[in-house]
Amino acid sequence: MTKASVIELPGLTNRVVVITGANGGQGTAETQLLLASGAVVIATDVQPEASAVLSAAGKAHPGQFHYLPLDVASLDGWNAVAQYIREADLRVHGLVNNAGIPWRARIGAVELEDWNRVIGINLTGTMLGMQMVLEFMTEGGSIVNIGSAAAVTGHHTAAYTASKWGVRGLTHVAATELGPRGIRVNLVNPGYINTPMMAAAPAIMTEAQLALTPLERIGEPEDVAAVVGFLLSDISGYVSGAELPVDGAFTSSKGVKYMSDLIKKNL
């Protein structure tokens, strides 16, 4: 498995981008890419302090990195972020709703408390983020919501899958509503990405994923970050309401690769 390198994208210099869930995995890779591209990043996460990796990235780009603790499911938390931006008199160019949690309980086993927690973070947090940023975002702004391959399939993880289908619908609502303001809203659907969130997945899940993925590799956080950066940049200036899979053609293949490989093997 080859790890992608941090790239630099044009047109992001001095543009302010808010990222949630920045302390690990995809959020860290997105922050690194944006800092390398000259953006001013307001990185947020539920942890009270930035991770060592995130702090190092911030020190390499002084003046461009800001860290705020944030529970995305909390209205008070988002109000605090808004106050920070207001006091700094910033115009926000981009928002990346990256924060999310998995929950692998099936429909017959998911508890209401866990259901509400997953929906609160993954779906309500995305909605609150978009509401908050609208005060500071004008024409040319870009919102990127992070969905999942589970947002286009009937994945067995009941609460997680429902939350990501919700994010998918909310993205299209926002793209329609905010288009007249010149604000673009898009959805990125990562597949199986090599992040701490996936580290707890059973080994059999990884084996099955590779068998079903035409590119025959697991994705890296940098793969997702590159697409997020593209959507935040002016390169994608006429792209809105789109769903971009970053999954090695997993959802495109819809299991056909596995069947095709079995047929080839047994002919």
Protein backbone atom coordinates (compact mmCIF):
# COMPACT_ATOMS: atom_id res chain seq x y z
CA MET A 1 0.00 0.00 0.00
CA THR A 2 1.51 3.29 -1.12
CA LYS A 3 0.85 6.31 1.06
CA ALA A 4 -0.09 9.44 -0.87
CA SER A 5 2.01 12.56 -0.29
CA VAL A 6 0.70 15.96 0.79
CA ILE A 7 -0.03 18.04 -2.30
CA GLU A 8 -0.52 21.78 -2.76
CA LEU A 9 -3.53 23.24 -4.53
CA PRO A 10 -3.63 26.68 -6.18
CA GLY A 11 -6.06 29.44 -5.23
CA LEU A 12 -6.37 28.70 -1.51
CA THR A 13 -3.81 31.19 -0.21
CA ASN A 14 -5.15 33.17 2.78
CA ARG A 15 -8.60 31.67 2.42
CA VAL A 16 -10.19 30.72 5.73
CA VAL A 17 -11.42 27.13 6.04
CA VAL A 18 -13.13 25.56 9.07
CA ILE A 19 -12.57 21.83 9.51
CA THR A 20 -14.28 19.59 12.07
CA GLY A 21 -12.81 16.34 13.34
CA ALA A 22 -9.34 17.65 12.55
CA ASN A 23 -7.37 15.72 15.14
CA GLY A 24 -7.05 12.45 13.28
CA GLY A 25 -7.24 10.54 10.02
CA GLN A 26 -8.90 12.42 7.19
CA GLY A 27 -9.24 15.65 9.17
CA THR A 28 -5.51 15.83 9.83
CA ALA A 29 -4.68 15.08 6.18
CA GLU A 30 -7.11 17.78 5.04
CA THR A 31 -5.58 20.29 7.46
CA GLN A 32 -2.06 19.47 6.27
CA LEU A 33 -3.04 19.88 2.62
CA LEU A 34 -4.79 23.19 3.21
CA LEU A 35 -1.91 24.61 5.26
CA ALA A 36 0.54 23.53 2.56
CA SER A 37 -1.68 25.31 0.03
CA GLY A 38 -1.54 28.56 1.98
CA ALA A 39 -5.01 28.48 3.55
CA VAL A 40 -5.86 29.78 7.02
CA VAL A 41 -7.30 26.77 8.85
CA ILE A 42 -9.59 26.86 11.85
CA ALA A 43 -9.22 23.25 12.95
CA THR A 44 -11.72 21.89 15.46
CA ASP A 45 -12.11 18.64 17.32
CA VAL A 46 -13.77 17.36 20.47
CA GLN A 47 -10.35 17.02 22.13
CA PRO A 48 -9.29 20.05 24.22
CA GLU A 49 -5.95 20.36 22.42
CA ALA A 50 -4.57 19.70 18.96
CA SER A 51 -2.80 16.38 18.43
CA ALA A 52 0.98 16.31 18.14
CA VAL A 53 0.77 15.81 14.36
CA LEU A 54 -1.68 18.67 13.97
CA SER A 55 0.39 20.94 16.22
CA ALA A 56 3.50 20.20 14.17
CA ALA A 57 1.65 21.11 10.99
CA GLY A 58 0.50 24.34 12.60
CA LYS A 59 4.01 25.29 13.74
CA ALA A 60 5.27 24.76 10.19
CA HIS A 61 2.76 27.38 9.02
CA PRO A 62 2.65 30.07 11.74
CA GLY A 63 -0.29 32.42 11.61
CA GLN A 64 -2.33 30.11 9.44
CA PHE A 65 -3.35 27.52 12.03
CA HIS A 66 -6.00 27.99 14.71
CA TYR A 67 -7.35 25.24 16.93
CA LEU A 68 -10.66 25.28 18.79
CA PRO A 69 -12.20 22.47 20.85
CA LEU A 70 -15.67 21.66 19.55
CA ASP A 71 -18.38 19.11 20.16
CA VAL A 72 -20.15 19.33 16.80
CA ALA A 73 -23.43 18.13 18.30
CA SER A 74 -23.48 21.13 20.65
CA LEU A 75 -25.16 24.39 19.61
CA ASP A 76 -23.19 26.19 22.33
CA GLY A 77 -19.98 24.80 20.85
CA TRP A 78 -20.81 26.12 17.40
CA ASN A 79 -21.81 29.48 18.88
CA ALA A 80 -18.34 29.69 20.44
CA VAL A 81 -16.73 29.03 17.04
CA ALA A 82 -18.92 31.74 15.50
CA GLN A 83 -17.89 34.19 18.20
CA TYR A 84 -14.22 33.42 17.56
CA ILE A 85 -14.64 34.10 13.84
CA ARG A 86 -16.68 37.22 14.52
CA GLU A 87 -14.11 38.70 16.88
CA ALA A 88 -11.33 37.95 14.40
CA ASP A 89 -13.39 39.66 11.68
CA LEU A 90 -12.88 36.80 9.23
CA ARG A 91 -14.66 35.91 6.03
CA VAL A 92 -14.93 32.14 5.75
CA HIS A 93 -14.33 30.58 2.36
CA GLY A 94 -14.74 26.91 3.22
CA LEU A 95 -16.28 24.46 5.67
CA VAL A 96 -15.40 20.78 5.85
CA ASN A 97 -17.88 18.79 7.93
CA ASN A 98 -15.51 15.94 8.60
CA ALA A 99 -16.31 14.96 12.21
CA GLY A 100 -18.04 11.63 12.58
CA ILE A 101 -18.15 8.43 14.60
CA PRO A 102 -18.83 4.84 13.58
CA TRP A 103 -21.23 2.51 15.33
CA ARG A 104 -21.43 -1.05 14.06
CA ALA A 105 -24.57 -2.28 15.86
CA ARG A 106 -27.14 -3.87 13.59
CA ILE A 107 -30.79 -2.80 13.40
CA GLY A 108 -31.95 -5.34 15.99
CA ALA A 109 -29.24 -4.44 18.49
CA VAL A 110 -28.75 -0.68 18.29
CA GLU A 111 -29.67 1.12 21.52
CA LEU A 112 -31.59 4.40 21.43
CA GLU A 113 -28.85 6.22 23.31
CA ASP A 114 -26.24 5.14 20.79
CA TRP A 115 -28.56 5.90 17.88
CA ASN A 116 -29.10 9.46 19.12
CA ARG A 117 -25.39 9.98 19.73
CA VAL A 118 -24.41 8.89 16.21
CA ILE A 119 -27.17 10.95 14.58
CA GLY A 120 -26.24 13.93 16.77
CA ILE A 121 -22.58 13.93 15.76
CA ASN A 122 -22.75 12.76 12.16
CA LEU A 123 -25.94 14.44 10.94
CA THR A 124 -26.98 17.17 13.39
CA GLY A 125 -23.36 18.32 13.67
CA THR A 126 -23.21 18.73 9.89
CA MET A 127 -26.42 20.78 9.89
CA LEU A 128 -25.22 23.02 12.75
CA GLY A 129 -21.91 23.61 10.99
CA MET A 130 -23.64 24.79 7.84
CA GLN A 131 -25.97 27.03 9.81
CA MET A 132 -23.06 28.62 11.66
CA VAL A 133 -20.89 29.33 8.66
CA LEU A 134 -23.56 31.08 6.62
CA GLU A 135 -23.10 34.28 8.63
CA PHE A 136 -19.50 34.49 7.42
CA MET A 137 -19.64 32.97 3.93
CA THR A 138 -20.47 34.91 0.78
CA GLU A 139 -20.35 34.26 -2.95
CA GLY A 140 -17.59 31.86 -3.90
CA GLY A 141 -17.79 29.87 -0.68
CA SER A 142 -17.57 26.09 -0.62
CA ILE A 143 -19.00 23.56 1.83
CA VAL A 144 -17.77 19.97 1.72
CA ASN A 145 -19.66 17.35 3.69
CA ILE A 146 -18.07 13.99 4.37
CA GLY A 147 -20.43 11.12 3.75
CA SER A 148 -19.46 7.50 3.29
CA ALA A 149 -19.84 4.56 0.96
CA ALA A 150 -22.52 3.63 3.51
CA ALA A 151 -24.49 6.68 2.28
CA VAL A 152 -25.25 4.90 -1.00
CA THR A 153 -25.58 1.31 0.20
CA GLY A 154 -27.58 -0.67 2.73
CA HIS A 155 -24.56 -1.18 4.98
CA HIS A 156 -25.40 -3.15 8.13
CA THR A 157 -24.34 -0.40 10.57
CA ALA A 158 -27.85 0.93 11.22
CA ALA A 159 -27.22 4.26 12.99
CA TYR A 160 -24.07 5.13 11.04
CA THR A 161 -25.64 4.29 7.68
CA ALA A 162 -28.81 6.26 8.48
CA SER A 163 -26.75 9.26 9.55
CA LYS A 164 -24.73 9.26 6.34
CA TRP A 165 -27.81 8.89 4.14
CA GLY A 166 -29.09 11.92 6.07
CA VAL A 167 -25.90 13.87 5.32
CA ARG A 168 -26.34 12.97 1.67
CA GLY A 169 -29.87 14.38 1.59
CA LEU A 170 -28.89 17.46 3.58
CA THR A 171 -26.09 18.16 1.09
CA HIS A 172 -28.53 18.29 -1.81
CA VAL A 173 -30.93 20.50 0.16
CA ALA A 174 -28.10 22.93 0.92
CA ALA A 175 -26.75 22.92 -2.64
CA THR A 176 -30.20 23.88 -3.90
CA GLU A 177 -30.83 26.48 -1.21
CA LEU A 178 -27.42 28.12 -1.22
CA GLY A 179 -26.70 28.05 -4.94
CA PRO A 180 -28.34 31.45 -5.54
CA ARG A 181 -25.92 32.89 -2.98
CA GLY A 182 -22.97 31.57 -4.97
CA ILE A 183 -22.13 28.97 -2.33
CA ARG A 184 -21.28 25.48 -3.52
CA VAL A 185 -22.11 22.38 -1.46
CA ASN A 186 -20.74 18.94 -2.29
CA LEU A 187 -20.48 15.49 -0.76
CA VAL A 188 -17.43 13.23 -0.56
CA ASN A 189 -18.12 9.54 0.06
CA PRO A 190 -14.98 7.78 1.29
CA GLY A 191 -14.80 4.02 1.13
CA TYR A 192 -12.52 1.95 3.33
CA ILE A 193 -9.85 4.45 4.43
CA ASN A 194 -6.81 3.66 6.56
CA THR A 195 -7.73 5.78 9.60
CA PRO A 196 -7.84 5.21 13.37
CA MET A 197 -11.64 4.97 13.04
CA MET A 198 -11.23 1.84 10.94
CA ALA A 199 -8.48 0.33 13.09
CA ALA A 200 -11.04 -1.46 15.26
CA ALA A 201 -12.74 -3.10 12.29
CA PRO A 202 -12.45 -6.91 12.21
CA ALA A 203 -9.77 -8.33 9.90
CA ILE A 204 -12.40 -10.16 7.87
CA MET A 205 -13.89 -6.79 6.96
CA THR A 206 -10.60 -5.68 5.41
CA GLU A 207 -10.30 -8.94 3.47
CA ALA A 208 -13.85 -8.63 2.15
CA GLN A 209 -13.31 -4.99 1.22
CA LEU A 210 -10.22 -5.78 -0.84
CA ALA A 211 -12.08 -8.55 -2.63
CA LEU A 212 -14.84 -6.08 -3.56
CA THR A 213 -12.68 -3.08 -4.50
CA PRO A 214 -11.48 -2.92 -8.13
CA LEU A 215 -8.34 -0.92 -7.25
CA GLU A 216 -7.48 -3.69 -4.77
CA ARG A 217 -6.09 -1.42 -2.08
CA ILE A 218 -7.26 0.41 1.02
CA GLY A 219 -7.53 4.17 0.69
CA GLU A 220 -5.35 6.64 2.58
CA PRO A 221 -6.51 9.87 4.30
CA GLU A 222 -4.52 11.82 1.72
CA ASP A 223 -6.70 10.35 -1.03
CA VAL A 224 -9.74 11.92 0.60
CA ALA A 225 -7.95 15.18 1.42
CA ALA A 226 -7.01 15.70 -2.23
CA VAL A 227 -10.65 15.53 -3.32
CA VAL A 228 -11.75 17.80 -0.47
CA GLY A 229 -9.08 20.31 -1.47
CA PHE A 230 -10.24 20.18 -5.08
CA LEU A 231 -13.82 20.96 -4.01
CA LEU A 232 -12.68 23.87 -1.84
CA SER A 233 -10.58 25.37 -4.63
CA ASP A 234 -11.72 27.46 -7.58
CA ILE A 235 -10.74 24.58 -9.88
CA SER A 236 -14.16 23.10 -9.07
CA GLY A 237 -15.97 26.42 -9.46
CA TYR A 238 -18.99 24.96 -11.30
CA VAL A 239 -19.24 21.78 -9.25
CA SER A 240 -22.09 21.79 -6.72
CA GLY A 241 -24.56 19.17 -5.54
CA ALA A 242 -22.11 16.46 -6.55
CA GLU A 243 -21.36 13.18 -4.80
CA LEU A 244 -17.74 12.16 -5.27
CA PRO A 245 -16.79 8.62 -4.26
CA VAL A 246 -13.25 8.05 -2.98
CA ASP A 247 -13.46 4.29 -2.73
CA GLY A 248 -11.40 2.63 -5.44
CA ALA A 249 -14.60 1.96 -7.46
CA PHE A 250 -16.15 -0.08 -4.63
CA THR A 251 -19.62 1.46 -4.91
CA SER A 252 -19.37 1.64 -8.70
CA SER A 253 -18.64 -2.08 -8.97
CA LYS A 254 -21.50 -3.02 -6.59
CA GLY A 255 -19.96 -6.41 -5.89
CA VAL A 256 -19.47 -7.34 -9.55
CA LYS A 257 -15.67 -7.51 -9.10
CA TYR A 258 -16.03 -10.33 -6.56
CA MET A 259 -18.32 -12.30 -8.87
CA SER A 260 -16.07 -11.64 -11.88
CA ASP A 261 -12.97 -12.80 -10.00
CA LEU A 262 -14.71 -16.02 -8.93
CA ILE A 263 -15.76 -16.72 -12.50
CA LYS A 264 -12.22 -16.16 -13.83
CA LYS A 265 -10.77 -18.35 -11.09
CA ASN A 266 -13.08 -21.25 -11.84
CA LEU A 267 -13.05 -21.21 -15.65
